[in-house]
Amino acid sequence: MKKIVYNIGGVFEYENRYCYKNNLFNEKIDHGQFTINGRSALLQIISKINDLNISKIYIPAFCCPSIVDCFQKSKLSTEFYEIDKNFNPKIIPGKNSAILAINYFGKKTQFIEKYRNSKNRNFVLIEDATHNFLNK
């Protein structure tokens, strides 16, 4: 599965050139797109999800209201999920659904680690790594 990354912020393009040049990213990204803000990135993601005929998105109950607003204005059915004490979702999404998983405080959760590159996953994983930016 091809990984698509949306970087947020108008000046990140210059910062990202520095990061790539100095190998500050944790992994190679094959395809990416810069957006002016988080809302634009989410709208691009929603557009891609709609192309995949995904009908439901799971959103953490503990997240920024602007994230919720973007998904609730889309055609997607939204459902909030609870997280455990390690910030892992307490649910496993079903087929033809998507889940927004957040790297709270710059830490990848076991959920993200398990499903990030899994070929057995039957749902779309959206990883919000905003709090992990440039974190080694």
N, C-alpha and C. Protein backbone atom coordinates (compact mmCIF):
# COMPACT_ATOMS: atom_id res chain seq x y z
N MET A 1 0.84 -1.17 0.00
CA MET A 1 0.00 0.00 0.00
C MET A 1 0.89 1.23 0.00
N LYS A 2 0.63 2.16 -0.90
CA LYS A 2 1.42 3.38 -1.00
C LYS A 2 1.04 4.33 0.14
N LYS A 3 2.05 4.85 0.81
CA LYS A 3 1.81 5.77 1.92
C LYS A 3 1.73 7.19 1.36
N ILE A 4 0.68 7.90 1.71
CA ILE A 4 0.51 9.29 1.30
C ILE A 4 0.57 10.15 2.54
N VAL A 5 1.40 11.17 2.50
CA VAL A 5 1.60 12.03 3.66
C VAL A 5 1.22 13.45 3.31
N TYR A 6 0.47 14.09 4.20
CA TYR A 6 0.12 15.49 4.05
C TYR A 6 0.80 16.26 5.16
N ASN A 7 1.74 17.11 4.79
CA ASN A 7 2.42 17.94 5.77
C ASN A 7 1.68 19.26 5.90
N ILE A 8 1.60 19.76 7.11
CA ILE A 8 0.81 20.95 7.41
C ILE A 8 1.73 22.15 7.58
N GLY A 9 1.30 23.30 7.04
CA GLY A 9 1.99 24.56 7.31
C GLY A 9 2.70 25.12 6.10
N GLY A 10 2.59 26.43 5.92
CA GLY A 10 3.17 27.10 4.76
C GLY A 10 4.69 27.11 4.76
N VAL A 11 5.35 27.13 5.91
CA VAL A 11 6.81 27.20 5.94
C VAL A 11 7.44 25.83 6.09
N PHE A 12 6.65 24.79 6.28
CA PHE A 12 7.21 23.45 6.46
C PHE A 12 7.96 22.97 5.23
N GLU A 13 7.60 23.49 4.05
CA GLU A 13 8.30 23.07 2.85
C GLU A 13 9.80 23.32 3.01
N TYR A 14 10.15 24.47 3.53
CA TYR A 14 11.57 24.79 3.73
C TYR A 14 12.16 23.96 4.87
N GLU A 15 11.40 23.79 5.93
CA GLU A 15 11.86 22.98 7.05
C GLU A 15 12.02 21.53 6.61
N ASN A 16 11.10 21.04 5.78
CA ASN A 16 11.17 19.66 5.33
C ASN A 16 12.39 19.42 4.44
N ARG A 17 12.76 20.39 3.62
CA ARG A 17 13.98 20.24 2.81
C ARG A 17 15.18 20.03 3.74
N TYR A 18 15.24 20.80 4.81
CA TYR A 18 16.32 20.65 5.80
C TYR A 18 16.25 19.28 6.46
N CYS A 19 15.04 18.85 6.80
CA CYS A 19 14.86 17.56 7.46
C CYS A 19 15.28 16.41 6.57
N TYR A 20 14.87 16.44 5.29
CA TYR A 20 15.25 15.38 4.37
C TYR A 20 16.76 15.36 4.16
N LYS A 21 17.32 16.54 3.98
CA LYS A 21 18.76 16.66 3.74
C LYS A 21 19.56 16.10 4.92
N ASN A 22 19.07 16.29 6.11
CA ASN A 22 19.77 15.86 7.32
C ASN A 22 19.19 14.59 7.94
N ASN A 23 18.37 13.86 7.18
CA ASN A 23 17.80 12.58 7.62
C ASN A 23 17.10 12.66 8.97
N LEU A 24 16.30 13.70 9.18
CA LEU A 24 15.60 13.86 10.44
C LEU A 24 14.26 13.14 10.47
N PHE A 25 13.76 12.72 9.30
CA PHE A 25 12.52 11.96 9.29
C PHE A 25 12.84 10.51 9.62
N ASN A 26 11.93 9.85 10.31
CA ASN A 26 12.15 8.48 10.75
C ASN A 26 12.06 7.47 9.61
N GLU A 27 11.42 7.84 8.52
CA GLU A 27 11.26 6.90 7.43
C GLU A 27 11.17 7.64 6.11
N LYS A 28 11.39 6.92 5.02
CA LYS A 28 11.29 7.51 3.70
C LYS A 28 9.81 7.62 3.32
N ILE A 29 9.46 8.74 2.75
CA ILE A 29 8.08 8.98 2.31
C ILE A 29 8.09 9.05 0.78
N ASP A 30 7.31 8.20 0.14
CA ASP A 30 7.31 8.14 -1.32
C ASP A 30 6.52 9.27 -1.98
N HIS A 31 5.48 9.71 -1.33
CA HIS A 31 4.62 10.72 -1.93
C HIS A 31 4.10 11.62 -0.82
N GLY A 32 4.10 12.89 -1.06
CA GLY A 32 3.60 13.81 -0.05
C GLY A 32 3.04 15.06 -0.69
N GLN A 33 2.34 15.84 0.12
CA GLN A 33 1.77 17.10 -0.35
C GLN A 33 1.77 18.06 0.82
N PHE A 34 2.19 19.29 0.55
CA PHE A 34 2.17 20.32 1.58
C PHE A 34 0.84 21.04 1.56
N THR A 35 0.29 21.31 2.73
CA THR A 35 -0.95 22.08 2.83
C THR A 35 -0.70 23.27 3.74
N ILE A 36 -1.54 24.27 3.61
CA ILE A 36 -1.35 25.52 4.34
C ILE A 36 -1.72 25.39 5.82
N ASN A 37 -2.63 24.47 6.15
CA ASN A 37 -3.02 24.30 7.55
C ASN A 37 -3.61 22.90 7.77
N GLY A 38 -3.90 22.61 9.01
CA GLY A 38 -4.44 21.29 9.36
C GLY A 38 -5.77 20.99 8.72
N ARG A 39 -6.63 21.99 8.64
CA ARG A 39 -7.94 21.80 8.02
C ARG A 39 -7.79 21.37 6.56
N SER A 40 -6.87 22.01 5.84
CA SER A 40 -6.63 21.65 4.44
C SER A 40 -6.13 20.22 4.32
N ALA A 41 -5.24 19.82 5.22
CA ALA A 41 -4.74 18.44 5.20
C ALA A 41 -5.87 17.45 5.44
N LEU A 42 -6.73 17.74 6.42
CA LEU A 42 -7.85 16.85 6.71
C LEU A 42 -8.82 16.77 5.54
N LEU A 43 -9.07 17.89 4.89
CA LEU A 43 -9.97 17.88 3.74
C LEU A 43 -9.41 17.04 2.59
N GLN A 44 -8.08 17.09 2.40
CA GLN A 44 -7.44 16.24 1.40
C GLN A 44 -7.60 14.76 1.76
N ILE A 45 -7.41 14.46 3.03
CA ILE A 45 -7.55 13.09 3.50
C ILE A 45 -8.99 12.60 3.32
N ILE A 46 -9.95 13.44 3.66
CA ILE A 46 -11.37 13.09 3.49
C ILE A 46 -11.67 12.82 2.02
N SER A 47 -11.12 13.62 1.14
CA SER A 47 -11.31 13.42 -0.30
C SER A 47 -10.78 12.05 -0.73
N LYS A 48 -9.61 11.68 -0.24
CA LYS A 48 -9.03 10.36 -0.57
C LYS A 48 -9.89 9.23 0.00
N ILE A 49 -10.38 9.43 1.22
CA ILE A 49 -11.23 8.41 1.85
C ILE A 49 -12.52 8.23 1.05
N ASN A 50 -13.11 9.32 0.60
CA ASN A 50 -14.33 9.22 -0.20
C ASN A 50 -14.09 8.44 -1.49
N ASP A 51 -12.89 8.57 -2.08
CA ASP A 51 -12.54 7.82 -3.29
C ASP A 51 -12.46 6.32 -3.02
N LEU A 52 -12.25 5.94 -1.76
CA LEU A 52 -12.13 4.53 -1.39
C LEU A 52 -13.46 3.92 -0.94
N ASN A 53 -14.53 4.67 -1.05
CA ASN A 53 -15.86 4.22 -0.64
C ASN A 53 -15.94 3.86 0.85
N ILE A 54 -15.20 4.60 1.65
CA ILE A 54 -15.27 4.43 3.10
C ILE A 54 -16.48 5.22 3.59
N SER A 55 -17.29 4.61 4.43
CA SER A 55 -18.50 5.29 4.87
C SER A 55 -18.45 5.75 6.32
N LYS A 56 -17.53 5.19 7.11
CA LYS A 56 -17.51 5.51 8.54
C LYS A 56 -16.09 5.82 8.98
N ILE A 57 -15.96 6.85 9.83
CA ILE A 57 -14.68 7.23 10.41
C ILE A 57 -14.80 7.22 11.92
N TYR A 58 -13.83 6.59 12.58
CA TYR A 58 -13.76 6.59 14.03
C TYR A 58 -12.78 7.68 14.46
N ILE A 59 -13.22 8.54 15.36
CA ILE A 59 -12.42 9.67 15.82
C ILE A 59 -12.27 9.57 17.33
N PRO A 60 -11.05 9.83 17.85
CA PRO A 60 -10.91 9.76 19.31
C PRO A 60 -11.75 10.82 20.00
N ALA A 61 -12.33 10.45 21.13
CA ALA A 61 -13.15 11.40 21.90
C ALA A 61 -12.29 12.54 22.43
N PHE A 62 -10.99 12.30 22.56
CA PHE A 62 -10.05 13.30 23.06
C PHE A 62 -9.24 13.83 21.89
N CYS A 63 -9.76 14.88 21.22
CA CYS A 63 -9.03 15.50 20.11
C CYS A 63 -9.51 16.93 19.92
N CYS A 64 -8.81 17.63 19.06
CA CYS A 64 -9.09 19.04 18.78
C CYS A 64 -10.46 19.19 18.10
N PRO A 65 -11.26 20.18 18.51
CA PRO A 65 -12.57 20.39 17.88
C PRO A 65 -12.51 20.64 16.38
N SER A 66 -11.42 21.22 15.88
CA SER A 66 -11.32 21.47 14.44
C SER A 66 -11.23 20.16 13.66
N ILE A 67 -10.67 19.13 14.27
CA ILE A 67 -10.63 17.81 13.63
C ILE A 67 -12.04 17.26 13.51
N VAL A 68 -12.78 17.32 14.59
CA VAL A 68 -14.16 16.83 14.61
C VAL A 68 -14.99 17.56 13.57
N ASP A 69 -14.84 18.87 13.51
CA ASP A 69 -15.60 19.70 12.58
C ASP A 69 -15.39 19.27 11.13
N CYS A 70 -14.15 19.01 10.75
CA CYS A 70 -13.85 18.60 9.37
C CYS A 70 -14.56 17.31 9.00
N PHE A 71 -14.50 16.33 9.89
CA PHE A 71 -15.11 15.04 9.58
C PHE A 71 -16.63 15.10 9.65
N GLN A 72 -17.19 15.87 10.57
CA GLN A 72 -18.64 15.95 10.69
C GLN A 72 -19.27 16.70 9.51
N LYS A 73 -18.51 17.55 8.86
CA LYS A 73 -19.02 18.26 7.68
C LYS A 73 -18.91 17.41 6.41
N SER A 74 -18.24 16.28 6.51
CA SER A 74 -18.10 15.40 5.35
C SER A 74 -19.32 14.46 5.27
N LYS A 75 -19.33 13.63 4.24
CA LYS A 75 -20.40 12.65 4.05
C LYS A 75 -20.22 11.44 4.96
N LEU A 76 -19.07 11.36 5.61
CA LEU A 76 -18.75 10.20 6.44
C LEU A 76 -19.57 10.17 7.72
N SER A 77 -19.97 9.00 8.10
CA SER A 77 -20.59 8.80 9.40
C SER A 77 -19.45 8.80 10.42
N THR A 78 -19.58 9.60 11.47
CA THR A 78 -18.52 9.68 12.48
C THR A 78 -18.96 9.01 13.77
N GLU A 79 -18.00 8.35 14.40
CA GLU A 79 -18.25 7.74 15.70
C GLU A 79 -17.03 7.98 16.57
N PHE A 80 -17.27 8.42 17.79
CA PHE A 80 -16.17 8.68 18.72
C PHE A 80 -15.80 7.38 19.43
N TYR A 81 -14.51 7.25 19.70
CA TYR A 81 -14.05 6.09 20.47
C TYR A 81 -13.24 6.55 21.67
N GLU A 82 -13.23 5.71 22.69
CA GLU A 82 -12.47 5.97 23.90
C GLU A 82 -11.06 5.43 23.73
N ILE A 83 -10.11 5.97 24.50
CA ILE A 83 -8.74 5.49 24.49
C ILE A 83 -8.41 4.93 25.88
N ASP A 84 -7.47 3.99 25.92
CA ASP A 84 -7.07 3.44 27.21
C ASP A 84 -5.97 4.30 27.83
N LYS A 85 -5.42 3.88 28.95
CA LYS A 85 -4.44 4.69 29.66
C LYS A 85 -3.13 4.86 28.88
N ASN A 86 -2.92 4.03 27.85
CA ASN A 86 -1.74 4.15 26.99
C ASN A 86 -2.06 4.82 25.67
N PHE A 87 -3.25 5.44 25.60
CA PHE A 87 -3.73 6.19 24.43
C PHE A 87 -4.07 5.30 23.24
N ASN A 88 -4.22 4.00 23.43
CA ASN A 88 -4.64 3.10 22.37
C ASN A 88 -6.15 3.13 22.24
N PRO A 89 -6.67 3.05 21.01
CA PRO A 89 -8.12 2.96 20.84
C PRO A 89 -8.67 1.70 21.51
N LYS A 90 -9.85 1.84 22.08
CA LYS A 90 -10.49 0.68 22.71
C LYS A 90 -11.36 -0.08 21.72
N ILE A 91 -11.21 0.21 20.43
CA ILE A 91 -11.98 -0.47 19.39
C ILE A 91 -11.05 -0.92 18.27
N ILE A 92 -11.54 -1.85 17.47
CA ILE A 92 -10.88 -2.22 16.22
C ILE A 92 -11.90 -1.92 15.13
N PRO A 93 -11.56 -1.02 14.20
CA PRO A 93 -12.51 -0.66 13.15
C PRO A 93 -12.89 -1.85 12.27
N GLY A 94 -14.09 -1.78 11.73
CA GLY A 94 -14.55 -2.82 10.84
C GLY A 94 -14.15 -2.56 9.40
N LYS A 95 -14.54 -3.48 8.54
CA LYS A 95 -14.25 -3.38 7.11
C LYS A 95 -14.91 -2.13 6.54
N ASN A 96 -14.24 -1.52 5.55
CA ASN A 96 -14.72 -0.31 4.87
C ASN A 96 -14.92 0.87 5.81
N SER A 97 -14.06 0.96 6.82
CA SER A 97 -14.10 2.11 7.72
C SER A 97 -12.70 2.68 7.83
N ALA A 98 -12.59 3.78 8.54
CA ALA A 98 -11.30 4.43 8.77
C ALA A 98 -11.23 4.83 10.23
N ILE A 99 -10.01 4.99 10.72
CA ILE A 99 -9.82 5.43 12.09
C ILE A 99 -8.72 6.49 12.11
N LEU A 100 -8.96 7.54 12.86
CA LEU A 100 -7.95 8.56 13.11
C LEU A 100 -7.27 8.20 14.42
N ALA A 101 -5.98 7.91 14.35
CA ALA A 101 -5.19 7.57 15.55
C ALA A 101 -4.17 8.68 15.75
N ILE A 102 -4.07 9.16 16.97
CA ILE A 102 -3.22 10.31 17.27
C ILE A 102 -2.01 9.88 18.08
N ASN A 103 -0.85 10.41 17.70
CA ASN A 103 0.37 10.23 18.50
C ASN A 103 0.35 11.27 19.61
N TYR A 104 -0.36 10.97 20.68
CA TYR A 104 -0.46 11.91 21.79
C TYR A 104 0.92 12.12 22.43
N PHE A 105 1.28 13.35 22.65
CA PHE A 105 2.53 13.73 23.31
C PHE A 105 3.76 13.15 22.62
N GLY A 106 3.67 12.98 21.29
CA GLY A 106 4.81 12.51 20.51
C GLY A 106 5.11 11.04 20.62
N LYS A 107 4.18 10.24 21.14
CA LYS A 107 4.42 8.81 21.30
C LYS A 107 3.50 8.01 20.38
N LYS A 108 4.09 7.11 19.61
CA LYS A 108 3.29 6.20 18.81
C LYS A 108 2.68 5.17 19.74
N THR A 109 1.43 4.87 19.53
CA THR A 109 0.76 3.88 20.36
C THR A 109 1.03 2.47 19.83
N GLN A 110 0.75 1.47 20.66
CA GLN A 110 0.88 0.08 20.22
C GLN A 110 -0.06 -0.18 19.05
N PHE A 111 -1.23 0.46 19.08
CA PHE A 111 -2.20 0.31 18.00
C PHE A 111 -1.58 0.77 16.67
N ILE A 112 -0.97 1.94 16.68
CA ILE A 112 -0.35 2.47 15.45
C ILE A 112 0.79 1.56 15.01
N GLU A 113 1.62 1.17 15.94
CA GLU A 113 2.75 0.27 15.61
C GLU A 113 2.24 -1.04 15.00
N LYS A 114 1.17 -1.57 15.55
CA LYS A 114 0.64 -2.85 15.08
C LYS A 114 0.04 -2.75 13.68
N TYR A 115 -0.72 -1.70 13.42
CA TYR A 115 -1.48 -1.62 12.18
C TYR A 115 -0.86 -0.73 11.10
N ARG A 116 0.16 0.03 11.43
CA ARG A 116 0.73 0.99 10.49
C ARG A 116 1.10 0.36 9.16
N ASN A 117 1.84 -0.72 9.16
CA ASN A 117 2.28 -1.37 7.93
C ASN A 117 1.68 -2.76 7.75
N SER A 118 0.61 -3.05 8.47
CA SER A 118 0.00 -4.36 8.41
C SER A 118 -0.72 -4.59 7.08
N LYS A 119 -0.47 -5.74 6.50
CA LYS A 119 -1.17 -6.12 5.26
C LYS A 119 -2.50 -6.80 5.58
N ASN A 120 -2.74 -7.13 6.84
CA ASN A 120 -3.97 -7.79 7.26
C ASN A 120 -5.05 -6.79 7.68
N ARG A 121 -4.75 -5.52 7.59
CA ARG A 121 -5.68 -4.48 8.01
C ARG A 121 -6.76 -4.31 6.94
N ASN A 122 -8.04 -4.26 7.34
CA ASN A 122 -9.12 -4.06 6.38
C ASN A 122 -9.80 -2.70 6.59
N PHE A 123 -9.08 -1.78 7.21
CA PHE A 123 -9.58 -0.42 7.42
C PHE A 123 -8.46 0.57 7.09
N VAL A 124 -8.84 1.81 6.90
CA VAL A 124 -7.87 2.87 6.61
C VAL A 124 -7.38 3.45 7.93
N LEU A 125 -6.08 3.51 8.09
CA LEU A 125 -5.47 4.11 9.27
C LEU A 125 -4.97 5.50 8.93
N ILE A 126 -5.48 6.49 9.63
CA ILE A 126 -5.01 7.86 9.48
C ILE A 126 -4.22 8.18 10.74
N GLU A 127 -2.94 8.40 10.57
CA GLU A 127 -2.08 8.67 11.73
C GLU A 127 -1.82 10.16 11.83
N ASP A 128 -2.25 10.75 12.92
CA ASP A 128 -1.99 12.16 13.19
C ASP A 128 -0.70 12.24 13.99
N ALA A 129 0.38 12.61 13.31
CA ALA A 129 1.70 12.66 13.95
C ALA A 129 2.12 14.09 14.25
N THR A 130 1.15 14.99 14.37
CA THR A 130 1.45 16.39 14.63
C THR A 130 2.32 16.57 15.85
N HIS A 131 2.02 15.88 16.91
CA HIS A 131 2.79 16.03 18.15
C HIS A 131 4.10 15.27 18.10
N ASN A 132 4.32 14.53 17.02
CA ASN A 132 5.53 13.73 16.86
C ASN A 132 6.51 14.38 15.88
N PHE A 133 6.14 15.53 15.34
CA PHE A 133 6.97 16.16 14.30
C PHE A 133 8.38 16.43 14.81
N LEU A 134 9.35 15.91 14.11
CA LEU A 134 10.78 16.03 14.43
C LEU A 134 11.18 15.36 15.73
N ASN A 135 10.31 14.49 16.25
CA ASN A 135 10.65 13.76 17.47
C ASN A 135 11.41 12.50 17.10
N LYS A 136 12.60 12.33 17.62
CA LYS A 136 13.39 11.13 17.32
C LYS A 136 12.99 10.03 18.25
